[in-house]
């Protein structure tokens, strides 16, 4: 379903809370995870 998942990374609480969900998506769909680092 998802070949590539883009995950924006910053210092926010939302990023930390979403990390587990993103990891589960990557494992479930055998996807590639790309981090998008904000400044």
N, C-alpha and C. Protein backbone atom coordinates (compact mmCIF):
# COMPACT_ATOMS: atom_id res chain seq x y z
N UNK A 1 0.81 -1.19 0.00
CA UNK A 1 0.00 0.00 0.00
C UNK A 1 0.87 1.27 0.00
N UNK A 2 1.84 1.34 0.90
CA UNK A 2 2.73 2.49 0.96
C UNK A 2 4.14 2.03 0.63
N UNK A 3 4.70 2.51 -0.47
CA UNK A 3 6.08 2.16 -0.81
C UNK A 3 7.06 2.99 0.01
N UNK A 4 6.74 4.28 0.15
CA UNK A 4 7.60 5.19 0.88
C UNK A 4 6.75 6.03 1.82
N UNK A 5 7.22 6.18 3.03
CA UNK A 5 6.55 7.01 4.02
C UNK A 5 7.49 8.16 4.37
N UNK A 6 7.00 9.39 4.20
CA UNK A 6 7.77 10.57 4.58
C UNK A 6 7.34 10.97 5.98
N UNK A 7 8.31 11.16 6.86
CA UNK A 7 8.00 11.49 8.25
C UNK A 7 8.76 12.76 8.63
N UNK A 8 8.02 13.87 8.84
CA UNK A 8 8.69 15.10 9.24
C UNK A 8 9.18 15.00 10.67
N UNK A 9 10.42 15.41 10.89
CA UNK A 9 11.03 15.30 12.22
C UNK A 9 11.37 16.70 12.73
N UNK A 10 10.89 16.99 13.91
CA UNK A 10 11.28 18.21 14.61
C UNK A 10 11.26 17.91 16.11
N UNK A 11 11.30 18.90 16.92
CA UNK A 11 11.38 18.70 18.37
C UNK A 11 10.00 18.69 19.03
N UNK A 12 8.94 18.59 18.26
CA UNK A 12 7.59 18.71 18.82
C UNK A 12 7.14 17.43 19.51
N UNK A 13 6.18 17.61 20.38
CA UNK A 13 5.56 16.49 21.08
C UNK A 13 4.82 15.59 20.08
N UNK A 14 4.21 16.21 19.07
CA UNK A 14 3.47 15.45 18.07
C UNK A 14 4.36 14.47 17.32
N UNK A 15 5.59 14.87 17.05
CA UNK A 15 6.55 13.99 16.38
C UNK A 15 6.83 12.76 17.23
N UNK A 16 7.08 12.98 18.50
CA UNK A 16 7.36 11.84 19.40
C UNK A 16 6.15 10.92 19.51
N UNK A 17 4.96 11.49 19.57
CA UNK A 17 3.75 10.68 19.70
C UNK A 17 3.46 9.89 18.42
N UNK A 18 3.80 10.43 17.27
CA UNK A 18 3.50 9.77 15.99
C UNK A 18 4.54 8.71 15.61
N UNK A 19 5.70 8.73 16.24
CA UNK A 19 6.79 7.84 15.83
C UNK A 19 6.39 6.38 15.88
N UNK A 20 5.72 5.94 16.92
CA UNK A 20 5.34 4.53 17.02
C UNK A 20 4.38 4.14 15.90
N UNK A 21 3.43 5.00 15.58
CA UNK A 21 2.49 4.72 14.50
C UNK A 21 3.21 4.60 13.16
N UNK A 22 4.15 5.49 12.92
CA UNK A 22 4.91 5.46 11.67
C UNK A 22 5.73 4.18 11.56
N UNK A 23 6.38 3.79 12.64
CA UNK A 23 7.16 2.55 12.64
C UNK A 23 6.27 1.36 12.34
N UNK A 24 5.08 1.32 12.92
CA UNK A 24 4.15 0.22 12.65
C UNK A 24 3.71 0.21 11.19
N UNK A 25 3.49 1.37 10.58
CA UNK A 25 3.14 1.43 9.16
C UNK A 25 4.26 0.88 8.29
N UNK A 26 5.48 1.26 8.61
CA UNK A 26 6.64 0.78 7.84
C UNK A 26 6.73 -0.73 7.91
N UNK A 27 6.56 -1.28 9.09
CA UNK A 27 6.63 -2.74 9.26
C UNK A 27 5.47 -3.44 8.56
N UNK A 28 4.27 -2.90 8.70
CA UNK A 28 3.08 -3.53 8.14
C UNK A 28 3.13 -3.59 6.62
N UNK A 29 3.57 -2.51 5.99
CA UNK A 29 3.54 -2.43 4.54
C UNK A 29 4.91 -2.63 3.90
N UNK A 30 5.89 -3.04 4.68
CA UNK A 30 7.25 -3.26 4.18
C UNK A 30 7.71 -2.06 3.35
N UNK A 31 7.55 -0.89 3.96
CA UNK A 31 7.82 0.37 3.28
C UNK A 31 9.21 0.89 3.61
N UNK A 32 9.61 1.89 2.85
CA UNK A 32 10.83 2.65 3.16
C UNK A 32 10.42 3.87 3.95
N UNK A 33 11.22 4.23 4.94
CA UNK A 33 10.94 5.41 5.75
C UNK A 33 11.97 6.48 5.43
N UNK A 34 11.48 7.64 5.02
CA UNK A 34 12.34 8.79 4.76
C UNK A 34 12.01 9.88 5.77
N UNK A 35 13.03 10.40 6.41
CA UNK A 35 12.84 11.47 7.38
C UNK A 35 12.99 12.81 6.68
N UNK A 36 12.09 13.72 7.00
CA UNK A 36 12.17 15.09 6.51
C UNK A 36 12.49 15.95 7.72
N UNK A 37 13.71 16.48 7.76
CA UNK A 37 14.17 17.21 8.93
C UNK A 37 13.92 18.69 8.74
N UNK A 38 13.16 19.26 9.68
CA UNK A 38 12.89 20.70 9.65
C UNK A 38 13.96 21.47 10.36
N UNK A 39 14.02 22.75 10.07
CA UNK A 39 15.04 23.58 10.72
C UNK A 39 14.47 24.37 11.87
